N, C-alpha and C. Protein backbone atom coordinates (compact mmCIF):
# COMPACT_ATOMS: atom_id res chain seq x y z
N MET A 1 0.84 -1.19 0.00
CA MET A 1 0.00 0.00 0.00
C MET A 1 0.87 1.24 0.00
N ASP A 2 0.73 2.05 -1.01
CA ASP A 2 1.49 3.29 -1.13
C ASP A 2 0.64 4.44 -0.61
N ILE A 3 0.86 4.85 0.67
CA ILE A 3 0.01 5.87 1.27
C ILE A 3 0.30 7.26 0.72
N SER A 4 1.34 7.39 -0.12
CA SER A 4 1.57 8.67 -0.79
C SER A 4 0.60 8.87 -1.95
N ASP A 5 -0.07 7.78 -2.34
CA ASP A 5 -1.08 7.84 -3.39
C ASP A 5 -2.22 8.73 -2.90
N LYS A 6 -2.60 9.72 -3.70
CA LYS A 6 -3.62 10.69 -3.31
C LYS A 6 -4.99 10.05 -3.14
N SER A 7 -5.17 8.81 -3.60
CA SER A 7 -6.46 8.16 -3.45
C SER A 7 -6.68 7.67 -2.02
N PHE A 8 -5.64 7.67 -1.19
CA PHE A 8 -5.78 7.26 0.20
C PHE A 8 -6.10 8.47 1.07
N GLU A 9 -7.06 8.29 1.97
CA GLU A 9 -7.35 9.31 2.97
C GLU A 9 -6.65 8.93 4.27
N ILE A 10 -6.05 9.90 4.93
CA ILE A 10 -5.38 9.67 6.21
C ILE A 10 -6.08 10.51 7.27
N PHE A 11 -6.54 9.85 8.33
CA PHE A 11 -7.21 10.51 9.43
C PHE A 11 -6.35 10.41 10.68
N ASP A 12 -5.95 11.54 11.20
CA ASP A 12 -5.19 11.57 12.45
C ASP A 12 -6.17 11.44 13.60
N ILE A 13 -6.10 10.33 14.34
CA ILE A 13 -7.03 10.11 15.45
C ILE A 13 -6.31 10.20 16.80
N SER A 14 -5.20 10.94 16.81
CA SER A 14 -4.45 11.17 18.04
C SER A 14 -4.91 12.46 18.70
N GLN A 15 -4.97 12.47 20.01
CA GLN A 15 -5.25 13.71 20.73
C GLN A 15 -3.96 14.52 20.84
N PRO A 16 -4.07 15.85 20.76
CA PRO A 16 -2.87 16.69 20.87
C PRO A 16 -2.29 16.63 22.29
N VAL A 17 -0.99 16.83 22.37
CA VAL A 17 -0.32 16.84 23.68
C VAL A 17 0.41 18.16 23.84
N ASP A 18 0.00 18.93 24.85
CA ASP A 18 0.70 20.16 25.20
C ASP A 18 0.45 20.45 26.67
N SER A 19 0.81 21.63 27.11
CA SER A 19 0.69 21.94 28.54
C SER A 19 -0.76 22.02 29.01
N LYS A 20 -1.71 22.05 28.06
CA LYS A 20 -3.13 22.11 28.43
C LYS A 20 -3.78 20.74 28.45
N THR A 21 -3.10 19.71 27.95
CA THR A 21 -3.70 18.39 27.84
C THR A 21 -4.07 17.83 29.21
N ALA A 22 -5.31 17.42 29.34
CA ALA A 22 -5.77 16.85 30.62
C ALA A 22 -5.18 15.46 30.81
N CYS A 23 -5.03 15.08 32.07
CA CYS A 23 -4.55 13.73 32.38
C CYS A 23 -5.40 13.14 33.49
N PHE A 24 -5.25 11.86 33.71
CA PHE A 24 -5.99 11.16 34.76
C PHE A 24 -5.69 11.83 36.10
N PRO A 25 -6.70 12.01 36.95
CA PRO A 25 -6.47 12.68 38.24
C PRO A 25 -5.32 12.05 39.01
N GLY A 26 -4.37 12.89 39.43
CA GLY A 26 -3.21 12.41 40.18
C GLY A 26 -2.03 12.01 39.32
N ASP A 27 -2.24 11.91 37.99
CA ASP A 27 -1.13 11.55 37.11
C ASP A 27 -0.30 12.79 36.77
N VAL A 28 0.81 12.58 36.06
CA VAL A 28 1.75 13.66 35.76
C VAL A 28 1.42 14.28 34.40
N PRO A 29 1.05 15.55 34.34
CA PRO A 29 0.71 16.18 33.07
C PRO A 29 1.96 16.48 32.24
N PHE A 30 1.74 16.88 31.00
CA PHE A 30 2.85 17.27 30.13
C PHE A 30 3.42 18.62 30.58
N SER A 31 4.74 18.69 30.62
CA SER A 31 5.42 19.98 30.84
C SER A 31 6.70 19.99 30.01
N LYS A 32 7.11 21.18 29.61
CA LYS A 32 8.25 21.35 28.72
C LYS A 32 9.29 22.26 29.36
N GLU A 33 10.56 21.93 29.11
CA GLU A 33 11.66 22.79 29.54
C GLU A 33 12.54 23.10 28.34
N VAL A 34 12.82 24.35 28.11
CA VAL A 34 13.75 24.74 27.04
C VAL A 34 15.16 24.62 27.59
N THR A 35 15.94 23.71 27.00
CA THR A 35 17.29 23.48 27.49
C THR A 35 18.36 24.24 26.71
N LEU A 36 18.04 24.61 25.49
CA LEU A 36 18.99 25.39 24.68
C LEU A 36 18.22 26.09 23.57
N THR A 37 18.52 27.33 23.35
CA THR A 37 17.84 28.08 22.29
C THR A 37 18.78 28.33 21.12
N LEU A 38 18.18 28.53 19.98
CA LEU A 38 18.94 28.86 18.78
C LEU A 38 19.65 30.20 18.98
N ALA A 39 18.99 31.12 19.69
CA ALA A 39 19.60 32.42 19.94
C ALA A 39 20.88 32.30 20.75
N ASP A 40 20.87 31.39 21.73
CA ASP A 40 22.05 31.22 22.59
C ASP A 40 23.13 30.36 21.93
N SER A 41 22.70 29.30 21.24
CA SER A 41 23.68 28.36 20.70
C SER A 41 24.15 28.72 19.30
N GLY A 42 23.30 29.43 18.57
CA GLY A 42 23.62 29.73 17.18
C GLY A 42 23.47 28.53 16.26
N VAL A 43 22.99 27.40 16.82
CA VAL A 43 22.91 26.15 16.03
C VAL A 43 21.52 25.51 16.09
N VAL A 44 21.03 25.26 17.32
CA VAL A 44 19.79 24.50 17.45
C VAL A 44 18.94 25.00 18.63
N ASN A 45 17.67 24.63 18.58
CA ASN A 45 16.79 24.70 19.75
C ASN A 45 16.69 23.29 20.34
N LEU A 46 16.72 23.19 21.67
CA LEU A 46 16.58 21.90 22.34
C LEU A 46 15.59 22.03 23.49
N THR A 47 14.80 20.98 23.70
CA THR A 47 13.86 20.95 24.81
C THR A 47 13.92 19.60 25.50
N ALA A 48 13.36 19.56 26.70
CA ALA A 48 13.12 18.31 27.42
C ALA A 48 11.67 18.34 27.89
N PHE A 49 11.07 17.16 28.07
CA PHE A 49 9.69 17.15 28.54
C PHE A 49 9.49 16.07 29.59
N THR A 50 8.46 16.28 30.41
CA THR A 50 8.06 15.32 31.43
C THR A 50 6.56 15.10 31.29
N MET A 51 6.15 13.83 31.35
CA MET A 51 4.73 13.52 31.38
C MET A 51 4.55 12.03 31.66
N SER A 52 3.37 11.68 32.16
CA SER A 52 3.00 10.28 32.26
C SER A 52 2.82 9.72 30.85
N PRO A 53 3.18 8.46 30.62
CA PRO A 53 2.95 7.87 29.30
C PRO A 53 1.47 7.63 29.00
N HIS A 54 0.59 7.93 29.98
CA HIS A 54 -0.85 7.79 29.77
C HIS A 54 -1.49 9.10 29.32
N VAL A 55 -0.70 10.14 29.13
CA VAL A 55 -1.22 11.41 28.64
C VAL A 55 -1.45 11.30 27.13
N GLY A 56 -2.59 11.80 26.67
CA GLY A 56 -2.88 11.74 25.24
C GLY A 56 -3.19 10.32 24.79
N SER A 57 -3.17 10.09 23.49
CA SER A 57 -3.45 8.77 22.92
C SER A 57 -2.32 7.81 23.26
N HIS A 58 -2.67 6.65 23.80
CA HIS A 58 -1.61 5.76 24.29
C HIS A 58 -2.09 4.31 24.34
N ALA A 59 -1.13 3.43 24.53
CA ALA A 59 -1.38 2.00 24.72
C ALA A 59 -0.84 1.58 26.07
N ASP A 60 -1.63 0.81 26.81
CA ASP A 60 -1.18 0.25 28.08
C ASP A 60 -0.41 -1.04 27.84
N ALA A 61 0.59 -1.27 28.67
CA ALA A 61 1.33 -2.52 28.65
C ALA A 61 0.93 -3.38 29.85
N PRO A 62 1.19 -4.69 29.82
CA PRO A 62 0.76 -5.57 30.91
C PRO A 62 1.24 -5.14 32.29
N VAL A 63 2.45 -4.59 32.38
CA VAL A 63 2.99 -4.25 33.70
C VAL A 63 2.22 -3.08 34.33
N HIS A 64 1.37 -2.45 33.57
CA HIS A 64 0.50 -1.40 34.13
C HIS A 64 -0.43 -1.99 35.19
N MET A 65 -0.82 -3.26 35.00
CA MET A 65 -1.76 -3.88 35.91
C MET A 65 -1.17 -4.98 36.78
N GLU A 66 -0.02 -5.53 36.39
CA GLU A 66 0.51 -6.67 37.13
C GLU A 66 2.03 -6.72 36.99
N GLY A 67 2.67 -7.45 37.92
CA GLY A 67 4.11 -7.60 37.86
C GLY A 67 4.82 -6.42 38.50
N SER A 68 6.12 -6.36 38.25
CA SER A 68 6.97 -5.35 38.87
C SER A 68 7.68 -4.53 37.82
N LEU A 69 7.75 -3.23 38.03
CA LEU A 69 8.47 -2.36 37.11
C LEU A 69 9.97 -2.60 37.17
N ASP A 70 10.43 -3.33 38.18
CA ASP A 70 11.86 -3.61 38.32
C ASP A 70 12.30 -4.87 37.58
N GLU A 71 11.33 -5.68 37.15
CA GLU A 71 11.67 -6.97 36.55
C GLU A 71 11.90 -6.88 35.05
N GLY A 72 11.36 -5.85 34.41
CA GLY A 72 11.60 -5.67 32.99
C GLY A 72 10.71 -6.48 32.07
N ASP A 73 9.68 -7.14 32.60
CA ASP A 73 8.77 -7.94 31.78
C ASP A 73 7.45 -7.20 31.59
N GLY A 74 6.84 -7.38 30.42
CA GLY A 74 5.54 -6.79 30.17
C GLY A 74 5.56 -5.30 29.98
N MET A 75 6.70 -4.76 29.55
CA MET A 75 6.83 -3.33 29.34
C MET A 75 6.25 -2.92 27.98
N ALA A 76 6.19 -1.63 27.75
CA ALA A 76 5.66 -1.12 26.49
C ALA A 76 6.43 -1.69 25.29
N SER A 77 7.71 -1.91 25.45
CA SER A 77 8.52 -2.45 24.36
C SER A 77 8.14 -3.89 24.01
N ASP A 78 7.42 -4.56 24.90
CA ASP A 78 7.04 -5.96 24.67
C ASP A 78 5.68 -6.10 23.98
N LEU A 79 4.96 -5.00 23.80
CA LEU A 79 3.67 -5.07 23.14
C LEU A 79 3.82 -5.56 21.70
N SER A 80 2.91 -6.41 21.26
CA SER A 80 2.94 -6.93 19.91
C SER A 80 2.58 -5.83 18.90
N LEU A 81 3.48 -5.54 17.98
CA LEU A 81 3.21 -4.50 16.99
C LEU A 81 2.08 -4.90 16.05
N ARG A 82 1.90 -6.20 15.84
CA ARG A 82 0.86 -6.66 14.92
C ARG A 82 -0.54 -6.22 15.35
N ALA A 83 -0.74 -6.12 16.66
CA ALA A 83 -2.06 -5.71 17.15
C ALA A 83 -2.39 -4.28 16.75
N PHE A 84 -1.38 -3.44 16.63
CA PHE A 84 -1.57 -2.01 16.41
C PHE A 84 -1.44 -1.61 14.93
N LEU A 85 -1.46 -2.60 14.07
CA LEU A 85 -1.22 -2.35 12.65
C LEU A 85 -2.09 -3.29 11.84
N GLY A 86 -3.07 -2.72 11.09
CA GLY A 86 -3.89 -3.58 10.25
C GLY A 86 -5.32 -3.12 10.15
N PRO A 87 -6.18 -3.92 9.52
CA PRO A 87 -7.58 -3.55 9.32
C PRO A 87 -8.29 -3.32 10.65
N VAL A 88 -9.19 -2.31 10.67
CA VAL A 88 -9.90 -1.96 11.88
C VAL A 88 -11.32 -1.52 11.51
N THR A 89 -12.24 -1.78 12.42
CA THR A 89 -13.63 -1.35 12.24
C THR A 89 -13.98 -0.30 13.27
N VAL A 90 -14.50 0.83 12.83
CA VAL A 90 -14.96 1.89 13.74
C VAL A 90 -16.45 1.72 13.95
N ILE A 91 -16.85 1.55 15.20
CA ILE A 91 -18.25 1.43 15.58
C ILE A 91 -18.69 2.73 16.25
N ASP A 92 -19.74 3.35 15.73
CA ASP A 92 -20.19 4.65 16.22
C ASP A 92 -21.30 4.48 17.24
N LEU A 93 -21.03 4.87 18.50
CA LEU A 93 -22.03 4.84 19.57
C LEU A 93 -22.39 6.24 20.04
N ALA A 94 -21.75 7.25 19.49
CA ALA A 94 -21.87 8.62 20.01
C ALA A 94 -23.29 9.15 19.88
N PRO A 95 -23.74 9.88 20.93
CA PRO A 95 -23.06 10.08 22.20
C PRO A 95 -23.36 8.95 23.17
N PHE A 96 -22.35 8.51 23.90
CA PHE A 96 -22.53 7.39 24.81
C PHE A 96 -21.62 7.56 26.01
N THR A 97 -22.15 7.34 27.20
CA THR A 97 -21.35 7.30 28.42
C THR A 97 -21.74 6.06 29.21
N GLY A 98 -20.86 5.66 30.13
CA GLY A 98 -21.12 4.47 30.92
C GLY A 98 -20.48 3.24 30.30
N GLY A 99 -20.86 2.09 30.84
CA GLY A 99 -20.25 0.85 30.39
C GLY A 99 -20.77 0.39 29.04
N ILE A 100 -19.87 0.18 28.10
CA ILE A 100 -20.22 -0.37 26.79
C ILE A 100 -20.40 -1.87 26.96
N GLY A 101 -21.62 -2.35 26.69
CA GLY A 101 -21.92 -3.76 26.87
C GLY A 101 -22.06 -4.50 25.56
N VAL A 102 -22.41 -5.75 25.66
CA VAL A 102 -22.58 -6.58 24.46
C VAL A 102 -23.70 -6.03 23.59
N ASP A 103 -24.71 -5.41 24.20
CA ASP A 103 -25.83 -4.86 23.43
C ASP A 103 -25.39 -3.75 22.48
N GLN A 104 -24.24 -3.15 22.75
CA GLN A 104 -23.76 -2.07 21.88
C GLN A 104 -23.01 -2.61 20.65
N ILE A 105 -22.75 -3.90 20.60
CA ILE A 105 -22.16 -4.49 19.40
C ILE A 105 -23.24 -4.53 18.32
N PRO A 106 -23.01 -3.93 17.15
CA PRO A 106 -24.05 -3.91 16.11
C PRO A 106 -24.55 -5.30 15.76
N ALA A 107 -25.83 -5.36 15.39
CA ALA A 107 -26.47 -6.64 15.08
C ALA A 107 -25.73 -7.40 13.98
N GLU A 108 -25.10 -6.66 13.07
CA GLU A 108 -24.41 -7.32 11.96
C GLU A 108 -23.25 -8.18 12.43
N PHE A 109 -22.73 -7.90 13.64
CA PHE A 109 -21.63 -8.69 14.19
C PHE A 109 -22.09 -9.73 15.20
N GLN A 110 -23.33 -9.62 15.66
CA GLN A 110 -23.84 -10.57 16.65
C GLN A 110 -23.90 -11.97 16.03
N GLY A 111 -23.25 -12.90 16.69
CA GLY A 111 -23.23 -14.27 16.19
C GLY A 111 -22.28 -14.49 15.04
N GLN A 112 -21.58 -13.44 14.63
CA GLN A 112 -20.62 -13.55 13.54
C GLN A 112 -19.20 -13.38 14.09
N LYS A 113 -18.22 -13.68 13.27
CA LYS A 113 -16.84 -13.46 13.66
C LYS A 113 -16.59 -11.96 13.80
N LEU A 114 -16.07 -11.56 14.94
CA LEU A 114 -15.83 -10.14 15.18
C LEU A 114 -14.59 -9.67 14.42
N PRO A 115 -14.53 -8.36 14.11
CA PRO A 115 -13.32 -7.82 13.48
C PRO A 115 -12.11 -7.99 14.40
N GLU A 116 -10.93 -8.05 13.81
CA GLU A 116 -9.71 -8.21 14.60
C GLU A 116 -9.42 -6.98 15.45
N ARG A 117 -9.81 -5.81 14.93
CA ARG A 117 -9.58 -4.56 15.65
C ARG A 117 -10.86 -3.74 15.63
N ILE A 118 -11.23 -3.20 16.78
CA ILE A 118 -12.47 -2.44 16.91
C ILE A 118 -12.18 -1.14 17.66
N LEU A 119 -12.62 -0.03 17.10
CA LEU A 119 -12.55 1.26 17.78
C LEU A 119 -13.96 1.74 18.05
N PHE A 120 -14.24 2.13 19.30
CA PHE A 120 -15.56 2.62 19.67
C PHE A 120 -15.55 4.14 19.71
N ARG A 121 -16.36 4.74 18.85
CA ARG A 121 -16.54 6.19 18.83
C ARG A 121 -17.71 6.52 19.76
N THR A 122 -17.43 7.26 20.84
CA THR A 122 -18.47 7.53 21.82
C THR A 122 -18.75 9.02 22.00
N ARG A 123 -17.97 9.88 21.32
CA ARG A 123 -18.13 11.32 21.49
C ARG A 123 -18.17 12.01 20.14
N HIS A 124 -19.01 13.04 20.04
CA HIS A 124 -19.04 13.86 18.84
C HIS A 124 -17.91 14.89 18.85
N HIS A 125 -17.50 15.29 20.04
CA HIS A 125 -16.45 16.30 20.17
C HIS A 125 -15.49 15.88 21.29
N ILE A 126 -14.22 16.15 21.10
CA ILE A 126 -13.19 15.85 22.09
C ILE A 126 -12.69 17.15 22.71
N ARG A 127 -12.77 17.24 24.03
CA ARG A 127 -12.16 18.36 24.74
C ARG A 127 -10.90 17.83 25.41
N TYR A 128 -9.79 17.87 24.68
CA TYR A 128 -8.59 17.23 25.16
C TYR A 128 -8.01 17.91 26.40
N ASP A 129 -8.43 19.14 26.65
CA ASP A 129 -7.91 19.89 27.80
C ASP A 129 -8.78 19.74 29.04
N VAL A 130 -9.78 18.87 28.98
CA VAL A 130 -10.68 18.64 30.11
C VAL A 130 -10.74 17.14 30.40
N PHE A 131 -10.54 16.76 31.67
CA PHE A 131 -10.73 15.36 32.02
C PHE A 131 -12.21 15.10 32.22
N GLU A 132 -12.79 14.33 31.32
CA GLU A 132 -14.22 14.03 31.37
C GLU A 132 -14.44 12.82 32.28
N SER A 133 -14.89 13.06 33.49
CA SER A 133 -15.05 11.95 34.44
C SER A 133 -16.23 11.06 34.09
N ASP A 134 -17.18 11.57 33.33
CA ASP A 134 -18.33 10.78 32.89
C ASP A 134 -18.05 10.31 31.47
N TYR A 135 -17.46 9.13 31.36
CA TYR A 135 -17.03 8.68 30.03
C TYR A 135 -17.43 7.22 29.79
N ALA A 136 -17.32 6.81 28.54
CA ALA A 136 -17.61 5.43 28.16
C ALA A 136 -16.40 4.55 28.45
N PHE A 137 -16.68 3.34 28.90
CA PHE A 137 -15.61 2.37 29.20
C PHE A 137 -16.10 0.98 28.83
N ILE A 138 -15.23 0.00 28.90
CA ILE A 138 -15.58 -1.36 28.53
C ILE A 138 -16.16 -2.10 29.74
N ALA A 139 -17.45 -2.41 29.67
CA ALA A 139 -18.08 -3.15 30.76
C ALA A 139 -17.46 -4.54 30.84
N VAL A 140 -17.46 -5.11 32.04
CA VAL A 140 -16.86 -6.43 32.26
C VAL A 140 -17.49 -7.47 31.33
N GLU A 141 -18.81 -7.40 31.14
CA GLU A 141 -19.48 -8.38 30.28
C GLU A 141 -18.97 -8.30 28.84
N LEU A 142 -18.69 -7.09 28.37
CA LEU A 142 -18.17 -6.95 27.01
C LEU A 142 -16.74 -7.45 26.93
N ALA A 143 -15.93 -7.13 27.95
CA ALA A 143 -14.55 -7.63 27.96
C ALA A 143 -14.55 -9.16 27.89
N GLU A 144 -15.41 -9.80 28.68
CA GLU A 144 -15.48 -11.27 28.67
C GLU A 144 -15.98 -11.79 27.33
N TYR A 145 -16.93 -11.07 26.74
CA TYR A 145 -17.47 -11.47 25.44
C TYR A 145 -16.40 -11.39 24.36
N LEU A 146 -15.63 -10.32 24.34
CA LEU A 146 -14.59 -10.15 23.33
C LEU A 146 -13.55 -11.25 23.45
N VAL A 147 -13.21 -11.61 24.68
CA VAL A 147 -12.23 -12.67 24.90
C VAL A 147 -12.82 -14.02 24.50
N HIS A 148 -14.07 -14.27 24.89
CA HIS A 148 -14.72 -15.55 24.63
C HIS A 148 -14.92 -15.79 23.14
N GLU A 149 -15.31 -14.75 22.41
CA GLU A 149 -15.57 -14.89 20.98
C GLU A 149 -14.29 -15.19 20.21
N GLY A 150 -13.17 -14.66 20.69
CA GLY A 150 -11.90 -14.93 20.04
C GLY A 150 -11.71 -14.16 18.74
N GLY A 151 -10.47 -14.02 18.34
CA GLY A 151 -10.16 -13.37 17.07
C GLY A 151 -9.90 -11.88 17.18
N VAL A 152 -10.35 -11.23 18.25
CA VAL A 152 -10.14 -9.80 18.42
C VAL A 152 -8.73 -9.58 18.98
N LYS A 153 -7.96 -8.72 18.32
CA LYS A 153 -6.60 -8.43 18.74
C LYS A 153 -6.50 -7.12 19.53
N LEU A 154 -7.37 -6.16 19.18
CA LEU A 154 -7.24 -4.83 19.75
C LEU A 154 -8.59 -4.13 19.79
N ILE A 155 -8.79 -3.34 20.84
CA ILE A 155 -9.93 -2.43 20.89
C ILE A 155 -9.40 -1.04 21.23
N GLY A 156 -10.18 -0.03 20.91
CA GLY A 156 -9.78 1.33 21.19
C GLY A 156 -10.96 2.19 21.57
N LEU A 157 -10.68 3.21 22.39
CA LEU A 157 -11.71 4.12 22.87
C LEU A 157 -11.26 5.56 22.72
N ASP A 158 -12.23 6.46 22.60
CA ASP A 158 -11.93 7.90 22.59
C ASP A 158 -12.10 8.49 23.99
N THR A 159 -11.84 7.67 25.00
CA THR A 159 -11.98 8.06 26.40
C THR A 159 -10.74 7.64 27.18
N PRO A 160 -10.61 8.06 28.45
CA PRO A 160 -9.34 7.87 29.16
C PRO A 160 -8.98 6.44 29.54
N SER A 161 -9.96 5.52 29.61
CA SER A 161 -9.63 4.20 30.14
C SER A 161 -10.66 3.16 29.74
N VAL A 162 -10.23 1.91 29.65
CA VAL A 162 -11.17 0.81 29.40
C VAL A 162 -11.93 0.43 30.66
N ASP A 163 -11.52 0.97 31.81
CA ASP A 163 -12.27 0.81 33.06
C ASP A 163 -12.77 2.18 33.52
N HIS A 164 -13.79 2.17 34.38
CA HIS A 164 -14.28 3.42 34.93
C HIS A 164 -13.25 4.03 35.87
N THR A 165 -13.27 5.35 35.97
CA THR A 165 -12.28 6.04 36.80
C THR A 165 -12.36 5.63 38.27
N ASP A 166 -13.53 5.13 38.72
CA ASP A 166 -13.68 4.72 40.11
C ASP A 166 -13.30 3.27 40.35
N SER A 167 -12.91 2.56 39.31
CA SER A 167 -12.58 1.14 39.48
C SER A 167 -11.38 0.95 40.40
N LYS A 168 -11.51 0.00 41.29
CA LYS A 168 -10.42 -0.31 42.22
C LYS A 168 -9.66 -1.57 41.84
N ASP A 169 -10.21 -2.35 40.90
CA ASP A 169 -9.55 -3.60 40.53
C ASP A 169 -9.21 -3.71 39.04
N LEU A 170 -9.64 -2.73 38.24
CA LEU A 170 -9.35 -2.71 36.80
C LEU A 170 -9.69 -4.05 36.14
N ARG A 171 -10.90 -4.53 36.41
CA ARG A 171 -11.27 -5.86 35.93
C ARG A 171 -11.23 -5.98 34.41
N SER A 172 -11.72 -4.95 33.72
CA SER A 172 -11.71 -5.04 32.25
C SER A 172 -10.28 -5.06 31.72
N HIS A 173 -9.39 -4.26 32.33
CA HIS A 173 -7.97 -4.33 31.97
C HIS A 173 -7.47 -5.76 32.07
N HIS A 174 -7.72 -6.38 33.21
CA HIS A 174 -7.19 -7.73 33.46
C HIS A 174 -7.81 -8.77 32.52
N ILE A 175 -9.12 -8.66 32.30
CA ILE A 175 -9.78 -9.62 31.42
C ILE A 175 -9.25 -9.51 30.00
N LEU A 176 -9.14 -8.29 29.50
CA LEU A 176 -8.63 -8.10 28.13
C LEU A 176 -7.20 -8.62 28.01
N HIS A 177 -6.38 -8.31 29.00
CA HIS A 177 -4.99 -8.79 28.96
C HIS A 177 -4.92 -10.31 29.02
N SER A 178 -5.72 -10.91 29.90
CA SER A 178 -5.69 -12.38 30.02
C SER A 178 -6.13 -13.05 28.73
N GLY A 179 -6.97 -12.34 27.94
CA GLY A 179 -7.42 -12.88 26.67
C GLY A 179 -6.51 -12.55 25.50
N GLY A 180 -5.41 -11.88 25.78
CA GLY A 180 -4.44 -11.57 24.72
C GLY A 180 -4.75 -10.34 23.90
N LEU A 181 -5.68 -9.49 24.38
CA LEU A 181 -6.03 -8.28 23.64
C LEU A 181 -5.14 -7.11 24.05
N SER A 182 -4.92 -6.22 23.09
CA SER A 182 -4.29 -4.93 23.36
C SER A 182 -5.37 -3.86 23.25
N TRP A 183 -5.06 -2.64 23.74
CA TRP A 183 -6.06 -1.58 23.66
C TRP A 183 -5.41 -0.21 23.56
N LEU A 184 -6.17 0.70 22.99
CA LEU A 184 -5.79 2.10 22.85
C LEU A 184 -6.78 2.96 23.61
N GLU A 185 -6.27 4.00 24.27
CA GLU A 185 -7.12 4.91 25.04
C GLU A 185 -6.85 6.34 24.59
N ASN A 186 -7.83 7.21 24.85
CA ASN A 186 -7.70 8.64 24.53
C ASN A 186 -7.51 8.91 23.04
N LEU A 187 -8.24 8.20 22.21
CA LEU A 187 -8.22 8.51 20.78
C LEU A 187 -9.13 9.70 20.50
N ASP A 188 -9.05 10.22 19.28
CA ASP A 188 -9.96 11.28 18.83
C ASP A 188 -10.63 10.79 17.55
N LEU A 189 -11.85 10.29 17.70
CA LEU A 189 -12.60 9.75 16.57
C LEU A 189 -13.72 10.69 16.13
N SER A 190 -13.65 11.94 16.57
CA SER A 190 -14.74 12.88 16.33
C SER A 190 -14.96 13.18 14.85
N SER A 191 -13.93 13.04 14.03
CA SER A 191 -14.05 13.36 12.60
C SER A 191 -14.09 12.12 11.73
N VAL A 192 -14.34 10.97 12.35
CA VAL A 192 -14.29 9.70 11.63
C VAL A 192 -15.68 9.10 11.53
N LEU A 193 -16.03 8.64 10.36
CA LEU A 193 -17.30 7.94 10.15
C LEU A 193 -17.13 6.46 10.48
N PRO A 194 -18.22 5.80 10.86
CA PRO A 194 -18.12 4.36 11.11
C PRO A 194 -17.75 3.62 9.82
N GLY A 195 -17.09 2.49 9.97
CA GLY A 195 -16.72 1.72 8.79
C GLY A 195 -15.36 1.08 8.91
N GLU A 196 -14.83 0.71 7.75
CA GLU A 196 -13.58 -0.05 7.70
C GLU A 196 -12.41 0.85 7.31
N TYR A 197 -11.30 0.66 8.01
CA TYR A 197 -10.08 1.43 7.76
C TYR A 197 -8.88 0.51 7.96
N ASN A 198 -7.70 1.09 7.77
CA ASN A 198 -6.46 0.46 8.22
C ASN A 198 -5.89 1.33 9.32
N LEU A 199 -5.44 0.69 10.38
CA LEU A 199 -4.93 1.38 11.56
C LEU A 199 -3.41 1.30 11.63
N ILE A 200 -2.79 2.42 11.98
CA ILE A 200 -1.37 2.44 12.36
C ILE A 200 -1.30 3.23 13.67
N ALA A 201 -0.90 2.56 14.74
CA ALA A 201 -0.83 3.22 16.06
C ALA A 201 0.26 2.53 16.89
N LEU A 202 1.49 2.61 16.42
CA LEU A 202 2.56 1.83 17.04
C LEU A 202 3.06 2.45 18.34
N PRO A 203 3.13 1.65 19.41
CA PRO A 203 3.74 2.14 20.65
C PRO A 203 5.25 2.25 20.49
N LEU A 204 5.84 3.17 21.22
CA LEU A 204 7.29 3.33 21.18
C LEU A 204 7.97 2.22 21.97
N LYS A 205 9.26 2.05 21.72
CA LYS A 205 9.99 0.92 22.31
C LYS A 205 10.55 1.28 23.69
N PHE A 206 9.65 1.69 24.59
CA PHE A 206 10.06 2.02 25.96
C PHE A 206 10.25 0.73 26.75
N LYS A 207 11.46 0.48 27.18
CA LYS A 207 11.78 -0.76 27.87
C LYS A 207 11.60 -0.67 29.38
N GLU A 208 11.26 0.52 29.89
CA GLU A 208 11.10 0.67 31.33
C GLU A 208 9.79 1.35 31.72
N LEU A 209 8.83 1.39 30.77
CA LEU A 209 7.57 2.08 31.04
C LEU A 209 6.38 1.13 30.88
N GLU A 210 5.29 1.44 31.60
CA GLU A 210 4.09 0.60 31.61
C GLU A 210 3.07 1.02 30.56
N ALA A 211 3.40 2.00 29.74
CA ALA A 211 2.52 2.46 28.67
C ALA A 211 3.36 3.26 27.68
N SER A 212 2.76 3.55 26.53
CA SER A 212 3.48 4.35 25.54
C SER A 212 2.51 5.23 24.77
N PRO A 213 2.88 6.50 24.56
CA PRO A 213 2.12 7.33 23.63
C PRO A 213 2.17 6.72 22.23
N VAL A 214 1.13 7.00 21.43
CA VAL A 214 1.10 6.57 20.03
C VAL A 214 0.64 7.74 19.17
N ARG A 215 1.09 7.74 17.93
CA ARG A 215 0.52 8.65 16.91
C ARG A 215 -0.41 7.77 16.07
N ALA A 216 -1.68 7.81 16.39
CA ALA A 216 -2.64 6.91 15.77
C ALA A 216 -3.26 7.52 14.53
N VAL A 217 -3.27 6.77 13.45
CA VAL A 217 -3.88 7.22 12.21
C VAL A 217 -4.73 6.10 11.61
N LEU A 218 -5.78 6.52 10.90
CA LEU A 218 -6.58 5.60 10.10
C LEU A 218 -6.35 5.93 8.64
N ILE A 219 -6.29 4.88 7.81
CA ILE A 219 -6.05 5.06 6.38
C ILE A 219 -7.20 4.38 5.63
N ARG A 220 -7.76 5.12 4.66
CA ARG A 220 -8.85 4.54 3.86
C ARG A 220 -8.63 4.94 2.41
């Protein structure tokens, strides 16, 4: 596939990241430090930044929910790239808040083989600078259904988490991981119509982090 071909449409479904970007309550927001300016060096501008890897569009790694950050297993660098690259189906539920259940799976997929990758569009507009505490998440019944049906490699949401912000056990996280699924959070699907696309949303090769930002795009 030659994406330079003008017949391909490219949709950027990543949320912007800057000093205004909202993050999960208690997490570390994005901040920037200018370490060298072109005016001072005569050569380059240089910056450094600090933020949680869960800021903006990102993928969680297994060590986010289990294991030890000191052991080096289940890090962002260990995520399967195949899950984040390939055909994807966008399902439009917008506007929707609360737990996404099996009833929200379109009838055309009920009893049929599910797509390998599914993105749930739940918002008409994204306010990336506001943490929306009332958001759509993956209900436990849907997580179990996706695992039981088999064949699904990845799901994605335009909200902060596959679990509710008040969850104390992250059951959907654990169920999806135990079933071999990967997931994307904090996407921006506001300008995307439901249907079939190709997804590219590769996590970075962070060997010591429990998540990774992604630059997520859909190609049609």
